Amino acid sequence: RYCVASSNSSSNDEEEHDLILLAVADPRGKRVGSGGGTLNAL
């Protein structure tokens, strides 16, 4: 459904690229909260 659009400098046309889609679990099976989950996912 979604893509990343970027300009082609040589043709001035837009190119489509796939999104980077990632699902990341909290580390070591432990709940680390929103703050810890944010840092871990980053």
PDB file of all heavy atoms in Angstrom:
ATOM      1  N   ARG A   1       0.804  -1.225   0.000  1.00  0.00           N
ATOM      2  CA  ARG A   1       0.000   0.000   0.000  1.00  0.00           C
ATOM      3  C   ARG A   1       0.835   1.272   0.000  1.00  0.00           C
ATOM      4  O   ARG A   1       0.401   2.302  -0.512  1.00  0.00           O
ATOM      5  CB  ARG A   1      -0.931  -0.003   1.215  1.00  0.00           C
ATOM      6  CG  ARG A   1      -1.913  -1.157   1.228  1.00  0.00           C
ATOM      7  CD  ARG A   1      -2.612  -1.254   2.566  1.00  0.00           C
ATOM      8  NE  ARG A   1      -3.364  -0.055   2.874  1.00  0.00           N
ATOM      9  CZ  ARG A   1      -3.780   0.251   4.097  1.00  0.00           C
ATOM     10  NH1 ARG A   1      -3.475  -0.541   5.117  1.00  0.00           N
ATOM     11  NH2 ARG A   1      -4.470   1.346   4.311  1.00  0.00           N
ATOM     12  N   TYR A   2       2.025   1.212   0.617  1.00  0.00           N
ATOM     13  CA  TYR A   2       2.831   2.415   0.766  1.00  0.00           C
ATOM     14  C   TYR A   2       4.228   2.211   0.191  1.00  0.00           C
ATOM     15  O   TYR A   2       4.729   1.090   0.130  1.00  0.00           O
ATOM     16  CB  TYR A   2       2.956   2.806   2.245  1.00  0.00           C
ATOM     17  CG  TYR A   2       1.639   3.125   2.908  1.00  0.00           C
ATOM     18  CD1 TYR A   2       1.157   2.341   3.947  1.00  0.00           C
ATOM     19  CD2 TYR A   2       0.879   4.221   2.501  1.00  0.00           C
ATOM     20  CE1 TYR A   2      -0.056   2.628   4.556  1.00  0.00           C
ATOM     21  CE2 TYR A   2      -0.330   4.515   3.106  1.00  0.00           C
ATOM     22  CZ  TYR A   2      -0.790   3.719   4.133  1.00  0.00           C
ATOM     23  OH  TYR A   2      -1.988   4.013   4.734  1.00  0.00           O
ATOM     24  N   CYS A   3       4.847   3.313  -0.169  1.00  0.00           N
ATOM     25  CA  CYS A   3       6.208   3.287  -0.691  1.00  0.00           C
ATOM     26  C   CYS A   3       6.917   4.574  -0.289  1.00  0.00           C
ATOM     27  O   CYS A   3       6.311   5.494   0.276  1.00  0.00           O
ATOM     28  CB  CYS A   3       6.215   3.134  -2.218  1.00  0.00           C
ATOM     29  SG  CYS A   3       5.550   4.591  -3.088  1.00  0.00           S
ATOM     30  N   VAL A   4       8.202   4.636  -0.576  1.00  0.00           N
ATOM     31  CA  VAL A   4       8.981   5.862  -0.401  1.00  0.00           C
ATOM     32  C   VAL A   4       9.265   6.413  -1.781  1.00  0.00           C
ATOM     33  O   VAL A   4       9.806   5.697  -2.641  1.00  0.00           O
ATOM     34  CB  VAL A   4      10.300   5.588   0.351  1.00  0.00           C
ATOM     35  CG1 VAL A   4      11.090   6.886   0.499  1.00  0.00           C
ATOM     36  CG2 VAL A   4      10.020   4.978   1.707  1.00  0.00           C
ATOM     37  N   ALA A   5       8.891   7.651  -2.013  1.00  0.00           N
ATOM     38  CA  ALA A   5       9.106   8.277  -3.320  1.00  0.00           C
ATOM     39  C   ALA A   5      10.334   9.169  -3.248  1.00  0.00           C
ATOM     40  O   ALA A   5      10.488   9.968  -2.321  1.00  0.00           O
ATOM     41  CB  ALA A   5       7.888   9.103  -3.729  1.00  0.00           C
ATOM     42  N   SER A   6      11.231   9.034  -4.201  1.00  0.00           N
ATOM     43  CA  SER A   6      12.423   9.878  -4.268  1.00  0.00           C
ATOM     44  C   SER A   6      12.621  10.339  -5.698  1.00  0.00           C
ATOM     45  O   SER A   6      12.246   9.650  -6.647  1.00  0.00           O
ATOM     46  CB  SER A   6      13.664   9.115  -3.777  1.00  0.00           C
ATOM     47  OG  SER A   6      13.908   7.987  -4.604  1.00  0.00           O
ATOM     48  N   SER A   7      13.214  11.505  -5.842  1.00  0.00           N
ATOM     49  CA  SER A   7      13.413  12.090  -7.176  1.00  0.00           C
ATOM     50  C   SER A   7      14.659  11.511  -7.832  1.00  0.00           C
ATOM     51  O   SER A   7      15.690  11.315  -7.191  1.00  0.00           O
ATOM     52  CB  SER A   7      13.554  13.614  -7.074  1.00  0.00           C
ATOM     53  OG  SER A   7      12.376  14.177  -6.535  1.00  0.00           O
ATOM     54  N   ASN A   8      14.534  11.237  -9.113  1.00  0.00           N
ATOM     55  CA  ASN A   8      15.671  10.797  -9.916  1.00  0.00           C
ATOM     56  C   ASN A   8      16.311  12.031 -10.536  1.00  0.00           C
ATOM     57  O   ASN A   8      15.709  12.710 -11.371  1.00  0.00           O
ATOM     58  CB  ASN A   8      15.210   9.819 -10.998  1.00  0.00           C
ATOM     59  CG  ASN A   8      16.363   9.180 -11.744  1.00  0.00           C
ATOM     60  OD1 ASN A   8      17.374   9.819 -12.012  1.00  0.00           O
ATOM     61  ND2 ASN A   8      16.208   7.912 -12.088  1.00  0.00           N
ATOM     62  N   SER A   9      17.531  12.348 -10.113  1.00  0.00           N
ATOM     63  CA  SER A   9      18.186  13.586 -10.557  1.00  0.00           C
ATOM     64  C   SER A   9      18.445  13.613 -12.059  1.00  0.00           C
ATOM     65  O   SER A   9      18.491  14.672 -12.678  1.00  0.00           O
ATOM     66  CB  SER A   9      19.515  13.779  -9.802  1.00  0.00           C
ATOM     67  OG  SER A   9      20.350  12.651  -9.987  1.00  0.00           O
ATOM     68  N   SER A  10      18.597  12.459 -12.674  1.00  0.00           N
ATOM     69  CA  SER A  10      18.922  12.425 -14.101  1.00  0.00           C
ATOM     70  C   SER A  10      17.688  12.588 -14.983  1.00  0.00           C
ATOM     71  O   SER A  10      17.759  13.158 -16.064  1.00  0.00           O
ATOM     72  CB  SER A  10      19.630  11.104 -14.437  1.00  0.00           C
ATOM     73  OG  SER A  10      18.798   9.999 -14.135  1.00  0.00           O
ATOM     74  N   SER A  11      16.546  12.104 -14.513  1.00  0.00           N
ATOM     75  CA  SER A  11      15.342  12.161 -15.343  1.00  0.00           C
ATOM     76  C   SER A  11      14.238  13.038 -14.765  1.00  0.00           C
ATOM     77  O   SER A  11      13.213  13.256 -15.407  1.00  0.00           O
ATOM     78  CB  SER A  11      14.788  10.746 -15.535  1.00  0.00           C
ATOM     79  OG  SER A  11      14.383  10.190 -14.302  1.00  0.00           O
ATOM     80  N   ASN A  12      14.436  13.534 -13.526  1.00  0.00           N
ATOM     81  CA  ASN A  12      13.425  14.352 -12.835  1.00  0.00           C
ATOM     82  C   ASN A  12      12.140  13.582 -12.572  1.00  0.00           C
ATOM     83  O   ASN A  12      11.096  14.195 -12.331  1.00  0.00           O
ATOM     84  CB  ASN A  12      13.112  15.631 -13.631  1.00  0.00           C
ATOM     85  CG  ASN A  12      14.291  16.583 -13.680  1.00  0.00           C
ATOM     86  OD1 ASN A  12      15.048  16.695 -12.714  1.00  0.00           O
ATOM     87  ND2 ASN A  12      14.446  17.268 -14.798  1.00  0.00           N
ATOM     88  N   ASP A  13      12.203  12.280 -12.680  1.00  0.00           N
ATOM     89  CA  ASP A  13      11.048  11.452 -12.362  1.00  0.00           C
ATOM     90  C   ASP A  13      11.159  10.931 -10.931  1.00  0.00           C
ATOM     91  O   ASP A  13      12.241  10.895 -10.340  1.00  0.00           O
ATOM     92  CB  ASP A  13      10.957  10.267 -13.328  1.00  0.00           C
ATOM     93  CG  ASP A  13      10.666  10.706 -14.747  1.00  0.00           C
ATOM     94  OD1 ASP A  13       9.997  11.750 -14.908  1.00  0.00           O
ATOM     95  OD2 ASP A  13      11.116  10.025 -15.688  1.00  0.00           O
ATOM     96  N   GLU A  14      10.018  10.531 -10.376  1.00  0.00           N
ATOM     97  CA  GLU A  14      10.020   9.966  -9.030  1.00  0.00           C
ATOM     98  C   GLU A  14      10.170   8.454  -9.097  1.00  0.00           C
ATOM     99  O   GLU A  14       9.541   7.799  -9.935  1.00  0.00           O
ATOM    100  CB  GLU A  14       8.736  10.331  -8.285  1.00  0.00           C
ATOM    101  CG  GLU A  14       8.701  11.759  -7.779  1.00  0.00           C
ATOM    102  CD  GLU A  14       7.613  11.965  -6.735  1.00  0.00           C
ATOM    103  OE1 GLU A  14       6.675  11.136  -6.695  1.00  0.00           O
ATOM    104  OE2 GLU A  14       7.688  12.941  -5.973  1.00  0.00           O
ATOM    105  N   GLU A  15      11.010   7.939  -8.225  1.00  0.00           N
ATOM    106  CA  GLU A  15      11.210   6.508  -8.137  1.00  0.00           C
ATOM    107  C   GLU A  15      10.566   5.980  -6.853  1.00  0.00           C
ATOM    108  O   GLU A  15      10.541   6.663  -5.833  1.00  0.00           O
ATOM    109  CB  GLU A  15      12.703   6.176  -8.144  1.00  0.00           C
ATOM    110  CG  GLU A  15      13.419   6.532  -9.437  1.00  0.00           C
ATOM    111  CD  GLU A  15      14.889   6.160  -9.383  1.00  0.00           C
ATOM    112  OE1 GLU A  15      15.402   5.956  -8.259  1.00  0.00           O
ATOM    113  OE2 GLU A  15      15.511   6.056 -10.451  1.00  0.00           O
ATOM    114  N   GLU A  16      10.053   4.759  -6.926  1.00  0.00           N
ATOM    115  CA  GLU A  16       9.447   4.133  -5.765  1.00  0.00           C
ATOM    116  C   GLU A  16      10.431   3.180  -5.096  1.00  0.00           C
ATOM    117  O   GLU A  16      11.142   2.436  -5.769  1.00  0.00           O
ATOM    118  CB  GLU A  16       8.185   3.347  -6.157  1.00  0.00           C
ATOM    119  CG  GLU A  16       6.991   4.201  -6.469  1.00  0.00           C
ATOM    120  CD  GLU A  16       5.718   3.369  -6.594  1.00  0.00           C
ATOM    121  OE1 GLU A  16       5.788   2.137  -6.367  1.00  0.00           O
ATOM    122  OE2 GLU A  16       4.666   3.940  -6.924  1.00  0.00           O
ATOM    123  N   HIS A  17      10.472   3.246  -3.777  1.00  0.00           N
ATOM    124  CA  HIS A  17      11.283   2.325  -2.996  1.00  0.00           C
ATOM    125  C   HIS A  17      10.420   1.729  -1.894  1.00  0.00           C
ATOM    126  O   HIS A  17       9.468   2.349  -1.417  1.00  0.00           O
ATOM    127  CB  HIS A  17      12.493   3.044  -2.377  1.00  0.00           C
ATOM    128  CG  HIS A  17      13.378   3.719  -3.377  1.00  0.00           C
ATOM    129  ND1 HIS A  17      14.330   3.030  -4.101  1.00  0.00           N
ATOM    130  CD2 HIS A  17      13.439   5.009  -3.792  1.00  0.00           C
ATOM    131  CE1 HIS A  17      14.949   3.872  -4.907  1.00  0.00           C
ATOM    132  NE2 HIS A  17      14.427   5.070  -4.745  1.00  0.00           N
ATOM    133  N   ASP A  18      10.751   0.511  -1.499  1.00  0.00           N
ATOM    134  CA  ASP A  18       9.999  -0.142  -0.436  1.00  0.00           C
ATOM    135  C   ASP A  18      10.282   0.516   0.907  1.00  0.00           C
ATOM    136  O   ASP A  18      11.395   0.989   1.168  1.00  0.00           O
ATOM    137  CB  ASP A  18      10.366  -1.628  -0.351  1.00  0.00           C
ATOM    138  CG  ASP A  18       9.909  -2.404  -1.573  1.00  0.00           C
ATOM    139  OD1 ASP A  18       8.942  -1.960  -2.236  1.00  0.00           O
ATOM    140  OD2 ASP A  18      10.520  -3.451  -1.870  1.00  0.00           O
ATOM    141  N   LEU A  19       9.262   0.546   1.758  1.00  0.00           N
ATOM    142  CA  LEU A  19       9.466   0.986   3.133  1.00  0.00           C
ATOM    143  C   LEU A  19      10.317  -0.040   3.873  1.00  0.00           C
ATOM    144  O   LEU A  19      10.310  -1.231   3.556  1.00  0.00           O
ATOM    145  CB  LEU A  19       8.130   1.118   3.866  1.00  0.00           C
ATOM    146  CG  LEU A  19       7.120   2.150   3.377  1.00  0.00           C
ATOM    147  CD1 LEU A  19       5.864   2.070   4.244  1.00  0.00           C
ATOM    148  CD2 LEU A  19       7.694   3.543   3.415  1.00  0.00           C
ATOM    149  N   ILE A  20      11.060   0.431   4.860  1.00  0.00           N
ATOM    150  CA  ILE A  20      11.743  -0.469   5.786  1.00  0.00           C
ATOM    151  C   ILE A  20      10.782  -0.730   6.936  1.00  0.00           C
ATOM    152  O   ILE A  20      10.429   0.186   7.680  1.00  0.00           O
ATOM    153  CB  ILE A  20      13.058   0.142   6.293  1.00  0.00           C
ATOM    154  CG1 ILE A  20      14.026   0.359   5.128  1.00  0.00           C
ATOM    155  CG2 ILE A  20      13.691  -0.746   7.364  1.00  0.00           C
ATOM    156  CD1 ILE A  20      15.297   1.077   5.524  1.00  0.00           C
ATOM    157  N   LEU A  21      10.321  -1.960   7.060  1.00  0.00           N
ATOM    158  CA  LEU A  21       9.322  -2.334   8.060  1.00  0.00           C
ATOM    159  C   LEU A  21       9.960  -3.270   9.074  1.00  0.00           C
ATOM    160  O   LEU A  21      10.449  -4.340   8.712  1.00  0.00           O
ATOM    161  CB  LEU A  21       8.125  -3.017   7.386  1.00  0.00           C
ATOM    162  CG  LEU A  21       7.448  -2.218   6.257  1.00  0.00           C
ATOM    163  CD1 LEU A  21       6.405  -3.082   5.561  1.00  0.00           C
ATOM    164  CD2 LEU A  21       6.824  -0.944   6.799  1.00  0.00           C
ATOM    165  N   LEU A  22       9.955  -2.870  10.330  1.00  0.00           N
ATOM    166  CA  LEU A  22      10.605  -3.662  11.370  1.00  0.00           C
ATOM    167  C   LEU A  22       9.689  -3.821  12.575  1.00  0.00           C
ATOM    168  O   LEU A  22       9.019  -2.870  12.995  1.00  0.00           O
ATOM    169  CB  LEU A  22      11.904  -2.988  11.828  1.00  0.00           C
ATOM    170  CG  LEU A  22      12.983  -2.747  10.766  1.00  0.00           C
ATOM    171  CD1 LEU A  22      14.109  -1.908  11.349  1.00  0.00           C
ATOM    172  CD2 LEU A  22      13.502  -4.067  10.228  1.00  0.00           C
ATOM    173  N   ALA A  23       9.663  -5.022  13.127  1.00  0.00           N
ATOM    174  CA  ALA A  23       8.999  -5.289  14.400  1.00  0.00           C
ATOM    175  C   ALA A  23      10.080  -5.716  15.385  1.00  0.00           C
ATOM    176  O   ALA A  23      10.838  -6.648  15.110  1.00  0.00           O
ATOM    177  CB  ALA A  23       7.944  -6.386  14.253  1.00  0.00           C
ATOM    178  N   VAL A  24      10.166  -5.035  16.508  1.00  0.00           N
ATOM    179  CA  VAL A  24      11.264  -5.238  17.461  1.00  0.00           C
ATOM    180  C   VAL A  24      10.706  -5.599  18.822  1.00  0.00           C
ATOM    181  O   VAL A  24       9.861  -4.881  19.368  1.00  0.00           O
ATOM    182  CB  VAL A  24      12.138  -3.971  17.567  1.00  0.00           C
ATOM    183  CG1 VAL A  24      13.253  -4.183  18.586  1.00  0.00           C
ATOM    184  CG2 VAL A  24      12.711  -3.602  16.210  1.00  0.00           C
ATOM    185  N   ALA A  25      11.180  -6.714  19.367  1.00  0.00           N
ATOM    186  CA  ALA A  25      10.732  -7.164  20.688  1.00  0.00           C
ATOM    187  C   ALA A  25      11.562  -6.523  21.793  1.00  0.00           C
ATOM    188  O   ALA A  25      12.731  -6.158  21.590  1.00  0.00           O
ATOM    189  CB  ALA A  25      10.840  -8.685  20.792  1.00  0.00           C
ATOM    190  N   ASP A  26      10.965  -6.371  22.966  1.00  0.00           N
ATOM    191  CA  ASP A  26      11.728  -5.925  24.128  1.00  0.00           C
ATOM    192  C   ASP A  26      12.855  -6.924  24.395  1.00  0.00           C
ATOM    193  O   ASP A  26      12.695  -8.125  24.173  1.00  0.00           O
ATOM    194  CB  ASP A  26      10.827  -5.834  25.355  1.00  0.00           C
ATOM    195  CG  ASP A  26       9.915  -4.601  25.313  1.00  0.00           C
ATOM    196  OD1 ASP A  26      10.150  -3.732  24.462  1.00  0.00           O
ATOM    197  OD2 ASP A  26       8.981  -4.522  26.133  1.00  0.00           O
ATOM    198  N   PRO A  27      14.015  -6.441  24.866  1.00  0.00           N
ATOM    199  CA  PRO A  27      15.189  -7.321  24.993  1.00  0.00           C
ATOM    200  C   PRO A  27      15.050  -8.377  26.077  1.00  0.00           C
ATOM    201  O   PRO A  27      14.460  -8.130  27.131  1.00  0.00           O
ATOM    202  CB  PRO A  27      16.319  -6.338  25.329  1.00  0.00           C
ATOM    203  CG  PRO A  27      15.632  -5.173  25.969  1.00  0.00           C
ATOM    204  CD  PRO A  27      14.301  -5.060  25.273  1.00  0.00           C
ATOM    205  N   ARG A  28      15.555  -9.576  25.778  1.00  0.00           N
ATOM    206  CA  ARG A  28      15.670 -10.676  26.744  1.00  0.00           C
ATOM    207  C   ARG A  28      14.337 -11.070  27.380  1.00  0.00           C
ATOM    208  O   ARG A  28      14.284 -11.557  28.500  1.00  0.00           O
ATOM    209  CB  ARG A  28      16.675 -10.310  27.846  1.00  0.00           C
ATOM    210  CG  ARG A  28      18.067  -9.995  27.318  1.00  0.00           C
ATOM    211  CD  ARG A  28      19.005  -9.600  28.424  1.00  0.00           C
ATOM    212  NE  ARG A  28      20.322  -9.224  27.888  1.00  0.00           N
ATOM    213  CZ  ARG A  28      21.312  -8.778  28.650  1.00  0.00           C
ATOM    214  NH1 ARG A  28      21.149  -8.656  29.958  1.00  0.00           N
ATOM    215  NH2 ARG A  28      22.461  -8.454  28.092  1.00  0.00           N
ATOM    216  N   GLY A  29      13.258 -10.834  26.652  1.00  0.00           N
ATOM    217  CA  GLY A  29      11.950 -11.238  27.147  1.00  0.00           C
ATOM    218  C   GLY A  29      11.451 -10.431  28.321  1.00  0.00           C
ATOM    219  O   GLY A  29      10.508 -10.840  29.004  1.00  0.00           O
ATOM    220  N   LYS A  30      12.049  -9.276  28.587  1.00  0.00           N
ATOM    221  CA  LYS A  30      11.664  -8.437  29.715  1.00  0.00           C
ATOM    222  C   LYS A  30      10.974  -7.172  29.219  1.00  0.00           C
ATOM    223  O   LYS A  30      11.390  -6.570  28.236  1.00  0.00           O
ATOM    224  CB  LYS A  30      12.896  -8.043  30.548  1.00  0.00           C
ATOM    225  CG  LYS A  30      13.721  -9.218  31.048  1.00  0.00           C
ATOM    226  CD  LYS A  30      12.943 -10.042  32.067  1.00  0.00           C
ATOM    227  CE  LYS A  30      13.823 -11.153  32.640  1.00  0.00           C
ATOM    228  NZ  LYS A  30      13.091 -11.984  33.626  1.00  0.00           N
ATOM    229  N   ARG A  31       9.909  -6.775  29.905  1.00  0.00           N
ATOM    230  CA  ARG A  31       9.216  -5.549  29.554  1.00  0.00           C
ATOM    231  C   ARG A  31      10.043  -4.355  30.023  1.00  0.00           C
ATOM    232  O   ARG A  31      10.421  -4.273  31.190  1.00  0.00           O
ATOM    233  CB  ARG A  31       7.834  -5.524  30.198  1.00  0.00           C
ATOM    234  CG  ARG A  31       6.950  -6.711  29.831  1.00  0.00           C
ATOM    235  CD  ARG A  31       6.676  -6.748  28.333  1.00  0.00           C
ATOM    236  NE  ARG A  31       5.875  -5.640  27.902  1.00  0.00           N
ATOM    237  CZ  ARG A  31       4.548  -5.635  27.917  1.00  0.00           C
ATOM    238  NH1 ARG A  31       3.889  -6.712  28.324  1.00  0.00           N
ATOM    239  NH2 ARG A  31       3.868  -4.587  27.520  1.00  0.00           N
ATOM    240  N   VAL A  32      10.336  -3.424  29.134  1.00  0.00           N
ATOM    241  CA  VAL A  32      11.212  -2.307  29.465  1.00  0.00           C
ATOM    242  C   VAL A  32      10.510  -0.955  29.374  1.00  0.00           C
ATOM    243  O   VAL A  32      11.150   0.089  29.479  1.00  0.00           O
ATOM    244  CB  VAL A  32      12.460  -2.309  28.561  1.00  0.00           C
ATOM    245  CG1 VAL A  32      13.320  -3.519  28.854  1.00  0.00           C
ATOM    246  CG2 VAL A  32      12.084  -2.255  27.084  1.00  0.00           C
ATOM    247  N   GLY A  33       9.192  -0.969  29.180  1.00  0.00           N
ATOM    248  CA  GLY A  33       8.448   0.276  29.142  1.00  0.00           C
ATOM    249  C   GLY A  33       8.605   1.026  27.821  1.00  0.00           C
ATOM    250  O   GLY A  33       9.370   0.637  26.942  1.00  0.00           O
ATOM    251  N   SER A  34       7.885   2.146  27.708  1.00  0.00           N
ATOM    252  CA  SER A  34       7.917   2.912  26.452  1.00  0.00           C
ATOM    253  C   SER A  34       9.279   3.532  26.201  1.00  0.00           C
ATOM    254  O   SER A  34       9.772   3.526  25.070  1.00  0.00           O
ATOM    255  CB  SER A  34       6.843   4.005  26.490  1.00  0.00           C
ATOM    256  OG  SER A  34       5.552   3.445  26.580  1.00  0.00           O
ATOM    257  N   GLY A  35       9.908   4.076  27.258  1.00  0.00           N
ATOM    258  CA  GLY A  35      11.217   4.699  27.083  1.00  0.00           C
ATOM    259  C   GLY A  35      12.275   3.693  26.684  1.00  0.00           C
ATOM    260  O   GLY A  35      13.023   3.895  25.726  1.00  0.00           O
ATOM    261  N   GLY A  36      12.329   2.575  27.416  1.00  0.00           N
ATOM    262  CA  GLY A  36      13.297   1.533  27.089  1.00  0.00           C
ATOM    263  C   GLY A  36      13.024   0.905  25.741  1.00  0.00           C
ATOM    264  O   GLY A  36      13.950   0.595  24.984  1.00  0.00           O
ATOM    265  N   GLY A  37      11.726   0.720  25.430  1.00  0.00           N
ATOM    266  CA  GLY A  37      11.361   0.158  24.132  1.00  0.00           C
ATOM    267  C   GLY A  37      11.759   1.058  22.986  1.00  0.00           C
ATOM    268  O   GLY A  37      12.172   0.593  21.917  1.00  0.00           O
ATOM    269  N   THR A  38      11.649   2.381  23.188  1.00  0.00           N
ATOM    270  CA  THR A  38      12.047   3.340  22.154  1.00  0.00           C
ATOM    271  C   THR A  38      13.540   3.252  21.873  1.00  0.00           C
ATOM    272  O   THR A  38      13.972   3.165  20.712  1.00  0.00           O
ATOM    273  CB  THR A  38      11.678   4.771  22.585  1.00  0.00           C
ATOM    274  OG1 THR A  38      10.251   4.870  22.726  1.00  0.00           O
ATOM    275  CG2 THR A  38      12.151   5.786  21.550  1.00  0.00           C
ATOM    276  N   LEU A  39      14.357   3.258  22.935  1.00  0.00           N
ATOM    277  CA  LEU A  39      15.810   3.190  22.757  1.00  0.00           C
ATOM    278  C   LEU A  39      16.226   1.860  22.137  1.00  0.00           C
ATOM    279  O   LEU A  39      17.099   1.817  21.258  1.00  0.00           O
ATOM    280  CB  LEU A  39      16.501   3.379  24.108  1.00  0.00           C
ATOM    281  CG  LEU A  39      16.303   4.751  24.773  1.00  0.00           C
ATOM    282  CD1 LEU A  39      16.979   4.779  26.142  1.00  0.00           C
ATOM    283  CD2 LEU A  39      16.845   5.868  23.888  1.00  0.00           C
ATOM    284  N   ASN A  40      15.593   0.779  22.585  1.00  0.00           N
ATOM    285  CA  ASN A  40      15.926  -0.537  22.041  1.00  0.00           C
ATOM    286  C   ASN A  40      15.578  -0.625  20.551  1.00  0.00           C
ATOM    287  O   ASN A  40      16.361  -1.147  19.743  1.00  0.00           O
ATOM    288  CB  ASN A  40      15.164  -1.617  22.819  1.00  0.00           C
ATOM    289  CG  ASN A  40      15.432  -3.011  22.303  1.00  0.00           C
ATOM    290  OD1 ASN A  40      16.566  -3.488  22.301  1.00  0.00           O
ATOM    291  ND2 ASN A  40      14.377  -3.688  21.864  1.00  0.00           N
ATOM    292  N   ALA A  41      14.414  -0.101  20.178  1.00  0.00           N
ATOM    293  CA  ALA A  41      14.002  -0.135  18.770  1.00  0.00           C
ATOM    294  C   ALA A  41      14.907   0.734  17.907  1.00  0.00           C
ATOM    295  O   ALA A  41      15.252   0.367  16.772  1.00  0.00           O
ATOM    296  CB  ALA A  41      12.547   0.310  18.642  1.00  0.00           C
ATOM    297  N   LEU A  42      15.309   1.892  18.419  1.00  0.00           N
ATOM    298  CA  LEU A  42      16.218   2.757  17.660  1.00  0.00           C
ATOM    299  C   LEU A  42      17.558   2.067  17.424  1.00  0.00           C
ATOM    300  O   LEU A  42      18.155   2.200  16.348  1.00  0.00           O
ATOM    301  CB  LEU A  42      16.434   4.076  18.399  1.00  0.00           C
ATOM    302  CG  LEU A  42      15.339   5.136  18.249  1.00  0.00           C
ATOM    303  CD1 LEU A  42      15.667   6.354  19.096  1.00  0.00           C
ATOM    304  CD2 LEU A  42      15.159   5.535  16.790  1.00  0.00           C
TER     305      LEU A  42
END
